Protein backbone atom coordinates (compact mmCIF):
# COMPACT_ATOMS: atom_id res chain seq x y z
CA MET A 1 1.04 -4.29 13.90
CA TRP A 2 4.33 -5.72 14.53
CA ARG A 3 6.96 -6.56 17.23
CA GLU A 4 10.45 -6.31 17.01
CA VAL A 5 12.31 -9.72 17.40
CA ASN A 6 16.10 -10.06 17.05
CA GLY A 7 16.47 -6.67 15.67
CA ILE A 8 13.78 -7.87 12.97
CA LYS A 9 9.86 -6.40 12.59
CA VAL A 10 7.54 -9.41 12.77
CA ALA A 11 3.66 -9.50 12.25
CA VAL A 12 1.52 -9.68 14.74
CA ASP A 13 -1.41 -12.06 14.01
CA GLU A 14 -4.10 -12.54 16.63
CA LEU A 15 -7.63 -14.74 16.53
CA TYR A 16 -10.70 -12.63 17.01
CA GLN A 17 -14.46 -13.08 17.75
CA VAL A 18 -17.15 -11.39 15.84
CA PHE A 19 -20.91 -10.83 17.74
CA VAL A 20 -23.69 -9.63 16.23
CA ASN A 21 -26.42 -8.68 18.46
CA GLY A 22 -25.09 -11.06 21.26
CA GLU A 23 -24.51 -13.89 18.51
CA LEU A 24 -20.68 -15.25 17.73
CA VAL A 25 -21.32 -15.37 13.60
CA ALA A 26 -17.52 -15.27 13.19
CA THR A 27 -13.95 -15.79 13.75
CA ALA A 28 -10.91 -14.42 12.30
CA VAL A 29 -7.45 -14.00 12.37
CA ALA A 30 -6.26 -10.38 11.92
CA SER A 31 -3.76 -7.88 13.02
CA PRO A 32 -4.08 -6.28 16.01
CA GLN A 33 -5.27 -2.94 13.66
CA ASP A 34 -8.52 -1.22 12.45
CA LEU A 35 -10.66 -3.47 13.56
CA ASP A 36 -13.91 -1.55 13.82
CA GLU A 37 -13.37 -1.64 9.54
CA LEU A 38 -12.49 -5.46 9.98
CA ALA A 39 -16.25 -5.75 11.38
CA LEU A 40 -17.83 -3.30 9.26
CA GLY A 41 -16.93 -5.37 5.72
CA LEU A 42 -18.58 -8.61 7.51
CA LEU A 43 -21.22 -7.26 8.53
CA TYR A 44 -21.40 -5.00 5.06
CA ALA A 45 -20.19 -8.00 2.76
CA ASP A 46 -22.09 -10.50 4.43
CA GLY A 47 -25.48 -8.56 4.14
CA TYR A 48 -26.15 -7.59 7.69
CA ILE A 49 -26.07 -3.94 6.88
CA ASP A 50 -26.77 -1.47 3.91
CA THR A 51 -24.86 1.17 5.15
CA VAL A 52 -22.75 2.08 8.24
CA GLU A 53 -25.53 4.15 10.24
CA GLU A 54 -27.70 0.51 10.99
CA VAL A 55 -24.46 -0.03 13.09
CA SER A 56 -25.33 1.28 16.62
CA GLU A 57 -22.78 0.33 18.55
CA LEU A 58 -19.30 -1.47 17.45
CA ARG A 59 -16.87 -2.30 19.98
CA VAL A 60 -13.23 -4.24 20.89
CA GLU A 61 -12.91 -6.16 24.28
CA GLY A 62 -9.58 -7.95 24.06
CA ARG A 63 -10.60 -10.62 21.05
CA LYS A 64 -14.00 -10.08 20.68
CA ILE A 65 -14.97 -7.56 18.38
CA ILE A 66 -18.87 -6.70 19.66
CA ALA A 67 -21.34 -5.01 17.14
CA ARG A 68 -25.10 -4.15 18.02
CA ILE A 69 -27.35 -3.43 14.69
CA ARG A 70 -30.89 -2.45 13.95
CA ARG A 71 -32.14 -5.65 12.22
CA ARG A 72 -31.68 -9.35 13.58
CA ALA A 73 -29.02 -11.09 12.96
CA SER A 74 -28.30 -14.16 10.97
CA PRO A 75 -27.68 -17.09 13.46
CA SER A 76 -25.05 -18.76 11.23
CA PHE A 77 -21.32 -19.13 12.11
CA LYS A 78 -18.06 -19.09 9.85
CA ALA A 79 -14.44 -18.84 10.39
CA VAL A 80 -13.10 -15.88 8.24
CA GLU A 81 -10.09 -18.10 6.87
CA ASP A 82 -12.20 -20.83 5.58
CA CYS A 83 -12.11 -19.09 1.82
CA ASP A 84 -16.12 -19.04 2.47
CA VAL A 85 -17.32 -20.27 -0.63
CA VAL A 86 -19.53 -18.45 -1.65
CA LYS A 87 -20.25 -18.79 -5.33
CA GLY A 88 -23.44 -16.44 -5.63
CA GLY A 89 -22.02 -13.94 -3.05
CA ARG A 90 -24.21 -13.08 0.14
CA ARG A 91 -25.57 -9.42 -1.32
CA GLU A 92 -26.89 -7.56 -4.30
CA VAL A 93 -23.60 -6.65 -6.31
CA ARG A 94 -23.88 -3.94 -8.08
CA LEU A 95 -20.83 -3.69 -10.54
CA VAL A 96 -18.95 -0.48 -11.24
CA GLU A 97 -17.99 -1.25 -14.78
CA ALA A 98 -14.52 -0.40 -16.55
CA ARG A 99 -12.42 -1.54 -19.31
CA LEU A 100 -8.84 -1.71 -19.62
CA ASP A 101 -6.35 -2.75 -22.12
CA VAL A 102 -3.40 -5.10 -20.81
CA GLU A 103 -0.90 -2.73 -20.87
CA LYS A 104 -2.88 -0.20 -18.41
CA LEU A 105 -3.09 -2.84 -16.05
CA ARG A 106 -0.09 -4.28 -16.18
CA ALA A 107 1.08 -0.58 -15.15
CA LEU A 108 -1.60 -0.34 -12.21
CA VAL A 109 -0.10 -3.26 -10.96
CA ALA A 110 3.31 -2.24 -10.62
CA GLU A 111 1.84 0.79 -9.05
CA PHE A 112 0.04 -1.51 -6.86
CA GLY A 113 2.87 -3.25 -5.61
CA LYS A 114 4.64 -0.08 -4.77
CA PHE A 115 2.19 -0.65 -1.60
CA THR A 116 2.77 -4.05 -0.65
CA MET A 117 5.25 -5.60 2.11
CA PRO A 118 7.70 -6.69 -0.35
CA THR A 119 8.37 -3.12 -0.64
CA ALA A 120 6.58 -1.03 2.13
CA GLU A 121 7.99 -2.96 4.55
CA PRO A 122 10.18 -6.52 3.20
CA SER A 123 10.11 -8.35 6.54
CA LEU A 124 6.68 -8.21 7.61
CA ALA A 125 4.60 -10.99 6.43
CA MET A 126 1.35 -9.13 5.30
CA HIS A 127 -1.06 -9.25 2.65
CA THR A 128 -2.28 -5.88 0.94
CA SER A 129 -5.48 -5.02 -0.90
CA ALA A 130 -6.80 -2.00 -2.11
CA LEU A 131 -9.46 -0.55 -4.57
CA LEU A 132 -8.98 2.06 -7.39
CA ASP A 133 -11.64 4.34 -7.74
CA GLU A 134 -11.74 8.20 -9.61
CA LYS A 135 -10.24 9.47 -6.08
CA GLY A 136 -7.23 7.59 -6.22
CA TRP A 137 -5.69 4.01 -4.10
CA LEU A 138 -7.61 2.81 -0.76
CA VAL A 139 -5.29 0.48 0.75
CA VAL A 140 -4.99 -1.90 3.49
CA HIS A 141 -2.89 -4.61 5.14
CA ASP A 142 -3.65 -7.52 7.28
CA VAL A 143 -1.73 -10.93 8.16
CA SER A 144 -4.68 -12.63 6.53
CA ARG A 145 -5.78 -12.16 3.19
CA HIS A 146 -9.20 -12.77 4.40
CA SER A 147 -8.76 -10.14 6.90
CA SER A 148 -7.32 -7.80 4.59
CA MET A 149 -10.09 -7.82 2.43
CA LEU A 150 -12.74 -7.24 4.59
CA LYS A 151 -10.75 -4.24 6.39
CA LEU A 152 -10.57 -2.36 2.55
CA VAL A 153 -14.32 -3.40 2.26
CA GLY A 154 -15.26 -1.48 5.98
CA LYS A 155 -13.24 1.25 4.82
CA ALA A 156 -14.70 1.43 1.67
CA LEU A 157 -18.04 1.30 3.47
CA LYS A 158 -17.20 4.39 6.19
CA GLU A 159 -15.44 6.89 3.34
CA GLY A 160 -18.47 6.31 0.84
CA ARG A 161 -16.17 4.56 -1.94
CA ARG A 162 -17.08 2.40 -4.62
CA GLY A 163 -14.87 1.50 -7.73
CA PRO A 164 -14.35 -1.01 -10.35
CA LEU A 165 -10.69 -2.26 -9.55
CA VAL A 166 -9.21 -4.20 -6.90
CA PHE A 167 -6.11 -6.02 -6.56
CA THR A 168 -4.79 -8.15 -3.97
CA THR A 169 -1.73 -9.91 -3.06
CA GLY A 170 -3.63 -12.97 -2.00
CA ARG A 171 -4.87 -15.88 -4.13
CA ALA A 172 -8.47 -14.87 -5.02
CA SER A 173 -10.54 -17.47 -3.30
CA SER A 174 -14.56 -16.86 -3.53
CA ASP A 175 -14.66 -14.95 -0.69
CA LEU A 176 -12.26 -12.64 -1.68
CA VAL A 177 -14.41 -12.23 -5.40
CA ALA A 178 -17.56 -11.92 -3.63
CA ARG A 179 -16.34 -8.99 -1.15
CA GLY A 180 -14.22 -6.98 -3.87
CA ALA A 181 -17.52 -7.77 -5.88
CA ALA A 182 -19.67 -5.54 -3.20
CA ILE A 183 -17.34 -2.27 -3.28
CA GLY A 184 -17.82 -2.84 -7.02
CA ALA A 185 -14.98 -4.48 -8.21
CA SER A 186 -15.97 -5.60 -11.93
CA ILE A 187 -12.14 -6.38 -12.13
CA MET A 188 -10.52 -7.97 -9.81
CA VAL A 189 -6.37 -8.47 -9.88
CA SER A 190 -4.69 -10.88 -7.69
CA ILE A 191 -0.71 -11.23 -7.99
CA ARG A 192 -0.87 -14.78 -7.04
CA GLY A 193 -2.24 -17.99 -8.55
CA PRO A 194 -6.09 -18.37 -9.05
CA LEU A 195 -8.01 -21.12 -7.05
CA ASN A 196 -11.15 -22.88 -8.12
CA SER A 197 -13.54 -21.36 -5.80
CA GLY A 198 -12.74 -17.93 -7.15
CA VAL A 199 -12.60 -18.45 -10.78
CA GLU A 200 -16.37 -20.09 -10.20
CA THR A 201 -17.39 -16.93 -8.27
CA ALA A 202 -15.73 -14.46 -10.53
CA CYS A 203 -17.93 -16.38 -13.32
CA ALA A 204 -21.03 -16.69 -11.16
CA LEU A 205 -20.98 -12.71 -10.10
CA GLY A 206 -19.52 -11.72 -13.79
CA VAL A 207 -16.29 -10.04 -12.61
CA THR A 208 -13.57 -10.30 -14.45
CA LEU A 209 -10.89 -11.93 -12.84
CA VAL A 210 -7.15 -11.81 -13.09
CA ALA A 211 -4.28 -13.96 -11.64
CA ASN A 212 -0.98 -14.17 -11.97
CA VAL A 213 -0.07 -17.75 -13.78
CA ARG A 214 3.32 -18.61 -12.64
CA GLY A 215 4.69 -19.16 -16.62
CA ARG A 216 1.99 -16.73 -18.21
CA GLY A 217 1.75 -14.31 -16.42
CA LEU A 218 -0.89 -11.90 -15.48
CA THR A 219 -4.00 -14.35 -17.05
CA PRO A 220 -7.85 -12.88 -17.82
CA LEU A 221 -9.59 -16.48 -16.31
CA CYS A 222 -13.59 -14.95 -16.12
CA ASN A 223 -15.12 -12.57 -18.29
CA PRO A 224 -11.66 -11.28 -20.20
CA TRP A 225 -14.30 -8.93 -22.40
CA ARG A 226 -13.40 -5.98 -20.13
CA LEU A 227 -10.04 -6.57 -20.85
CA LYS A 228 -8.59 -5.00 -24.83
CA ILE A 229 -5.51 -6.51 -25.58
């Protein structure tokens, strides 16, 4: 996860290849931990599997993540870091509905902030993504905003969790919005500025997207009806 350089904790980033049934389907820059959850998140969010039980084998060999599944893999290749403009998503979306007043949302953002690296480990340059459901917070960290969301999806899948709220320290690109929606998020909050691909994807999927707009603070950019002022 990190190495020490001149007394400072420095986050480790590596480039991984993901193989499904022998086919190279993706590359991802990621922290070298929880790589099984990264793979599960990719397999689920991109429609390769519907359940963990469909994965017959999952192992890491160096910088290769190798999965075997019980259905034929799609041959399409992508780089996870490419923001992956998927305006309609890659699987049928079933959102977990929620409505919040704005003050409650601000309080949850402050609570989420306690889990992020500027608070937990200030020297580590890592992103944080989190799901909030009836069981509480499910939190993951990674050097890449894209991989942090994939690991969150994989962790949620392993634990059988879905929820209405997903938070991220990364800019909400289309892939982050679609993957949050894959685990039920009807409200997605980015504490960074918005990206057009994320706004378009949120509108297409019916997700309420909230981003931290400079000079305006938390601002709903799509489907604001779930937020009560």
